[in-house]
């Protein structure tokens, strides 16, 4: 055991000096970095096509894959607030389309269960499991941050 400690003590400074991180694991904080600020309860990266649930800057859930608004119906960047939720919402604008687990944050835009292969008319499509997590976690008034 003493030999192992001596060997580690001898090579650790060399590994650090050489710039390798083989002996030092990445921190969870670095692995969970998001592009949003600490006030965001939901974070959406338009360019990264992913979203997170947050609490005081810490990741609670995610990243999860998303699809967002297609050309002409782009999901806008900005800081918004959750305005209402509807577990079994149907679109009044788009042929009574089902929008399960809807969490509205910008007028008619919402996080909801939807296709991860097709873009939306501005909403944020999530898998069923992710839509349920967003629905169960977010509350009216929570901050939603959407970044490019």
C-alpha atoms as a PDB file:
ATOM      1  CA  UNK A   1       0.000   0.000   0.000  1.00  0.00           C
ATOM      2  CA  UNK A   2       2.868   2.343   0.871  1.00  0.00           C
ATOM      3  CA  UNK A   3       4.495   1.718  -2.529  1.00  0.00           C
ATOM      4  CA  UNK A   4       1.228   2.560  -4.334  1.00  0.00           C
ATOM      5  CA  UNK A   5       0.955   5.884  -2.459  1.00  0.00           C
ATOM      6  CA  UNK A   6       4.565   6.727  -3.264  1.00  0.00           C
ATOM      7  CA  UNK A   7       4.062   5.964  -6.949  1.00  0.00           C
ATOM      8  CA  UNK A   8       0.902   8.081  -7.094  1.00  0.00           C
ATOM      9  CA  UNK A   9       2.617  10.886  -5.184  1.00  0.00           C
ATOM     10  CA  UNK A  10       5.486  10.787  -7.669  1.00  0.00           C
ATOM     11  CA  UNK A  11       3.448  10.730 -10.891  1.00  0.00           C
ATOM     12  CA  UNK A  12       0.581  13.063  -9.923  1.00  0.00           C
ATOM     13  CA  UNK A  13       2.644  16.273 -10.260  1.00  0.00           C
ATOM     14  CA  UNK A  14       4.045  15.044 -13.576  1.00  0.00           C
ATOM     15  CA  UNK A  15       0.572  14.317 -14.929  1.00  0.00           C
ATOM     16  CA  UNK A  16      -0.662  17.733 -13.830  1.00  0.00           C
ATOM     17  CA  UNK A  17       2.414  19.423 -15.273  1.00  0.00           C
ATOM     18  CA  UNK A  18       1.929  17.630 -18.582  1.00  0.00           C
ATOM     19  CA  UNK A  19      -1.663  18.873 -18.699  1.00  0.00           C
ATOM     20  CA  UNK A  20      -3.318  15.487 -18.601  1.00  0.00           C
ATOM     21  CA  UNK A  21      -6.465  14.945 -16.607  1.00  0.00           C
ATOM     22  CA  UNK A  22      -6.157  11.180 -16.375  1.00  0.00           C
ATOM     23  CA  UNK A  23      -5.957  11.269 -12.609  1.00  0.00           C
ATOM     24  CA  UNK A  24      -8.612  13.923 -12.082  1.00  0.00           C
ATOM     25  CA  UNK A  25     -12.209  13.175 -13.054  1.00  0.00           C
ATOM     26  CA  UNK A  26     -14.305  15.961 -14.565  1.00  0.00           C
ATOM     27  CA  UNK A  27     -16.553  17.671 -12.074  1.00  0.00           C
ATOM     28  CA  UNK A  28     -20.293  17.129 -12.277  1.00  0.00           C
ATOM     29  CA  UNK A  29     -20.692  20.888 -12.518  1.00  0.00           C
ATOM     30  CA  UNK A  30     -18.658  21.059 -15.721  1.00  0.00           C
ATOM     31  CA  UNK A  31     -20.520  18.117 -17.217  1.00  0.00           C
ATOM     32  CA  UNK A  32     -23.882  19.756 -16.508  1.00  0.00           C
ATOM     33  CA  UNK A  33     -23.134  23.270 -17.760  1.00  0.00           C
ATOM     34  CA  UNK A  34     -26.041  24.966 -19.521  1.00  0.00           C
ATOM     35  CA  UNK A  35     -26.228  28.213 -21.467  1.00  0.00           C
ATOM     36  CA  UNK A  36     -28.809  29.691 -19.067  1.00  0.00           C
ATOM     37  CA  UNK A  37     -28.598  31.832 -15.967  1.00  0.00           C
ATOM     38  CA  UNK A  38     -29.327  30.744 -12.389  1.00  0.00           C
ATOM     39  CA  UNK A  39     -32.864  32.205 -12.365  1.00  0.00           C
ATOM     40  CA  UNK A  40     -34.053  29.819 -15.098  1.00  0.00           C
ATOM     41  CA  UNK A  41     -36.227  26.899 -14.016  1.00  0.00           C
ATOM     42  CA  UNK A  42     -36.310  25.685 -17.628  1.00  0.00           C
ATOM     43  CA  UNK A  43     -33.443  26.219 -20.067  1.00  0.00           C
ATOM     44  CA  UNK A  44     -33.741  25.752 -23.836  1.00  0.00           C
ATOM     45  CA  UNK A  45     -30.848  25.850 -26.306  1.00  0.00           C
ATOM     46  CA  UNK A  46     -32.205  26.431 -29.817  1.00  0.00           C
ATOM     47  CA  UNK A  47     -28.885  25.709 -31.542  1.00  0.00           C
ATOM     48  CA  UNK A  48     -28.135  22.703 -29.327  1.00  0.00           C
ATOM     49  CA  UNK A  49     -31.658  21.252 -29.696  1.00  0.00           C
ATOM     50  CA  UNK A  50     -31.813  20.411 -25.999  1.00  0.00           C
ATOM     51  CA  UNK A  51     -33.490  21.504 -22.786  1.00  0.00           C
ATOM     52  CA  UNK A  52     -32.948  21.194 -19.032  1.00  0.00           C
ATOM     53  CA  UNK A  53     -34.889  21.643 -15.813  1.00  0.00           C
ATOM     54  CA  UNK A  54     -32.929  23.787 -13.380  1.00  0.00           C
ATOM     55  CA  UNK A  55     -32.919  24.956  -9.777  1.00  0.00           C
ATOM     56  CA  UNK A  56     -30.648  27.843  -8.756  1.00  0.00           C
ATOM     57  CA  UNK A  57     -28.298  27.098 -11.651  1.00  0.00           C
ATOM     58  CA  UNK A  58     -28.129  23.362 -10.921  1.00  0.00           C
ATOM     59  CA  UNK A  59     -29.399  20.796 -13.408  1.00  0.00           C
ATOM     60  CA  UNK A  60     -32.325  18.751 -12.080  1.00  0.00           C
ATOM     61  CA  UNK A  61     -33.123  16.962 -15.342  1.00  0.00           C
ATOM     62  CA  UNK A  62     -31.562  16.870 -18.787  1.00  0.00           C
ATOM     63  CA  UNK A  63     -30.283  17.584 -21.197  1.00  0.00           C
ATOM     64  CA  UNK A  64     -33.144  16.163 -23.239  1.00  0.00           C
ATOM     65  CA  UNK A  65     -33.537  16.377 -27.025  1.00  0.00           C
ATOM     66  CA  UNK A  66     -36.116  18.816 -28.400  1.00  0.00           C
ATOM     67  CA  UNK A  67     -37.477  20.081 -31.679  1.00  0.00           C
ATOM     68  CA  UNK A  68     -38.568  23.697 -32.012  1.00  0.00           C
ATOM     69  CA  UNK A  69     -40.238  26.041 -34.498  1.00  0.00           C
ATOM     70  CA  UNK A  70     -39.739  25.616 -38.219  1.00  0.00           C
ATOM     71  CA  UNK A  71     -38.957  28.469 -40.619  1.00  0.00           C
ATOM     72  CA  UNK A  72     -41.652  31.100 -40.382  1.00  0.00           C
ATOM     73  CA  UNK A  73     -42.696  29.800 -36.946  1.00  0.00           C
ATOM     74  CA  UNK A  74     -39.368  30.090 -35.103  1.00  0.00           C
ATOM     75  CA  UNK A  75     -39.265  29.684 -31.339  1.00  0.00           C
ATOM     76  CA  UNK A  76     -37.920  33.079 -30.206  1.00  0.00           C
ATOM     77  CA  UNK A  77     -35.030  33.519 -27.789  1.00  0.00           C
ATOM     78  CA  UNK A  78     -35.728  35.433 -24.608  1.00  0.00           C
ATOM     79  CA  UNK A  79     -36.708  35.176 -20.978  1.00  0.00           C
ATOM     80  CA  UNK A  80     -40.313  34.229 -20.311  1.00  0.00           C
ATOM     81  CA  UNK A  81     -42.501  32.977 -17.467  1.00  0.00           C
ATOM     82  CA  UNK A  82     -44.749  29.930 -17.288  1.00  0.00           C
ATOM     83  CA  UNK A  83     -48.289  31.275 -17.751  1.00  0.00           C
ATOM     84  CA  UNK A  84     -50.397  28.119 -17.501  1.00  0.00           C
ATOM     85  CA  UNK A  85     -50.355  24.339 -17.779  1.00  0.00           C
ATOM     86  CA  UNK A  86     -52.789  21.871 -19.344  1.00  0.00           C
ATOM     87  CA  UNK A  87     -52.257  18.112 -19.162  1.00  0.00           C
ATOM     88  CA  UNK A  88     -54.540  17.338 -22.147  1.00  0.00           C
ATOM     89  CA  UNK A  89     -54.384  20.514 -24.236  1.00  0.00           C
ATOM     90  CA  UNK A  90     -55.565  20.625 -27.859  1.00  0.00           C
ATOM     91  CA  UNK A  91     -54.425  23.320 -30.265  1.00  0.00           C
ATOM     92  CA  UNK A  92     -57.076  25.833 -31.282  1.00  0.00           C
ATOM     93  CA  UNK A  93     -54.809  27.081 -34.084  1.00  0.00           C
ATOM     94  CA  UNK A  94     -53.647  23.819 -35.640  1.00  0.00           C
ATOM     95  CA  UNK A  95     -56.565  21.456 -36.323  1.00  0.00           C
ATOM     96  CA  UNK A  96     -57.247  20.463 -32.729  1.00  0.00           C
ATOM     97  CA  UNK A  97     -53.794  18.813 -32.575  1.00  0.00           C
ATOM     98  CA  UNK A  98     -53.091  17.086 -29.251  1.00  0.00           C
ATOM     99  CA  UNK A  99     -50.461  18.763 -27.059  1.00  0.00           C
ATOM    100  CA  UNK A 100     -50.087  16.469 -24.015  1.00  0.00           C
ATOM    101  CA  UNK A 101     -48.417  17.844 -20.887  1.00  0.00           C
ATOM    102  CA  UNK A 102     -48.413  21.459 -22.130  1.00  0.00           C
ATOM    103  CA  UNK A 103     -46.497  24.089 -20.173  1.00  0.00           C
ATOM    104  CA  UNK A 104     -47.136  27.491 -21.806  1.00  0.00           C
ATOM    105  CA  UNK A 105     -44.503  30.199 -21.499  1.00  0.00           C
ATOM    106  CA  UNK A 106     -44.864  32.648 -24.419  1.00  0.00           C
ATOM    107  CA  UNK A 107     -48.408  33.200 -25.583  1.00  0.00           C
ATOM    108  CA  UNK A 108     -49.342  30.087 -27.550  1.00  0.00           C
ATOM    109  CA  UNK A 109     -45.879  28.519 -27.238  1.00  0.00           C
ATOM    110  CA  UNK A 110     -45.378  25.624 -24.876  1.00  0.00           C
ATOM    111  CA  UNK A 111     -43.225  22.705 -23.911  1.00  0.00           C
ATOM    112  CA  UNK A 112     -45.274  19.582 -24.706  1.00  0.00           C
ATOM    113  CA  UNK A 113     -45.047  16.000 -25.872  1.00  0.00           C
ATOM    114  CA  UNK A 114     -44.466  15.912 -29.614  1.00  0.00           C
ATOM    115  CA  UNK A 115     -42.430  14.505 -32.452  1.00  0.00           C
ATOM    116  CA  UNK A 116     -38.669  14.708 -32.060  1.00  0.00           C
ATOM    117  CA  UNK A 117     -38.340  14.298 -35.839  1.00  0.00           C
ATOM    118  CA  UNK A 118     -40.628  17.128 -37.013  1.00  0.00           C
ATOM    119  CA  UNK A 119     -40.293  20.812 -36.250  1.00  0.00           C
ATOM    120  CA  UNK A 120     -43.202  22.665 -34.669  1.00  0.00           C
ATOM    121  CA  UNK A 121     -45.141  25.888 -35.169  1.00  0.00           C
ATOM    122  CA  UNK A 122     -43.104  27.462 -32.355  1.00  0.00           C
ATOM    123  CA  UNK A 123     -43.652  25.039 -29.495  1.00  0.00           C
ATOM    124  CA  UNK A 124     -40.953  22.886 -27.935  1.00  0.00           C
ATOM    125  CA  UNK A 125     -41.496  19.186 -28.620  1.00  0.00           C
ATOM    126  CA  UNK A 126     -40.310  16.757 -25.937  1.00  0.00           C
ATOM    127  CA  UNK A 127     -40.448  12.987 -25.521  1.00  0.00           C
ATOM    128  CA  UNK A 128     -43.335  11.726 -23.395  1.00  0.00           C
ATOM    129  CA  UNK A 129     -41.074  11.163 -20.369  1.00  0.00           C
ATOM    130  CA  UNK A 130     -39.469  14.602 -20.680  1.00  0.00           C
ATOM    131  CA  UNK A 131     -42.843  16.314 -21.223  1.00  0.00           C
ATOM    132  CA  UNK A 132     -44.152  14.672 -18.047  1.00  0.00           C
ATOM    133  CA  UNK A 133     -41.067  15.794 -16.112  1.00  0.00           C
ATOM    134  CA  UNK A 134     -41.409  19.400 -17.340  1.00  0.00           C
ATOM    135  CA  UNK A 135     -45.155  19.363 -16.600  1.00  0.00           C
ATOM    136  CA  UNK A 136     -44.689  17.957 -13.092  1.00  0.00           C
ATOM    137  CA  UNK A 137     -41.763  20.232 -12.187  1.00  0.00           C
ATOM    138  CA  UNK A 138     -42.568  23.659 -13.623  1.00  0.00           C
ATOM    139  CA  UNK A 139     -45.027  25.997 -11.885  1.00  0.00           C
ATOM    140  CA  UNK A 140     -46.884  29.086 -13.090  1.00  0.00           C
ATOM    141  CA  UNK A 141     -44.497  32.030 -12.774  1.00  0.00           C
ATOM    142  CA  UNK A 142     -41.293  29.990 -13.197  1.00  0.00           C
ATOM    143  CA  UNK A 143     -38.633  31.490 -15.464  1.00  0.00           C
ATOM    144  CA  UNK A 144     -38.061  29.911 -18.890  1.00  0.00           C
ATOM    145  CA  UNK A 145     -34.889  31.032 -20.649  1.00  0.00           C
ATOM    146  CA  UNK A 146     -34.555  30.380 -24.381  1.00  0.00           C
ATOM    147  CA  UNK A 147     -31.111  30.981 -25.890  1.00  0.00           C
ATOM    148  CA  UNK A 148     -29.838  30.728 -29.433  1.00  0.00           C
END
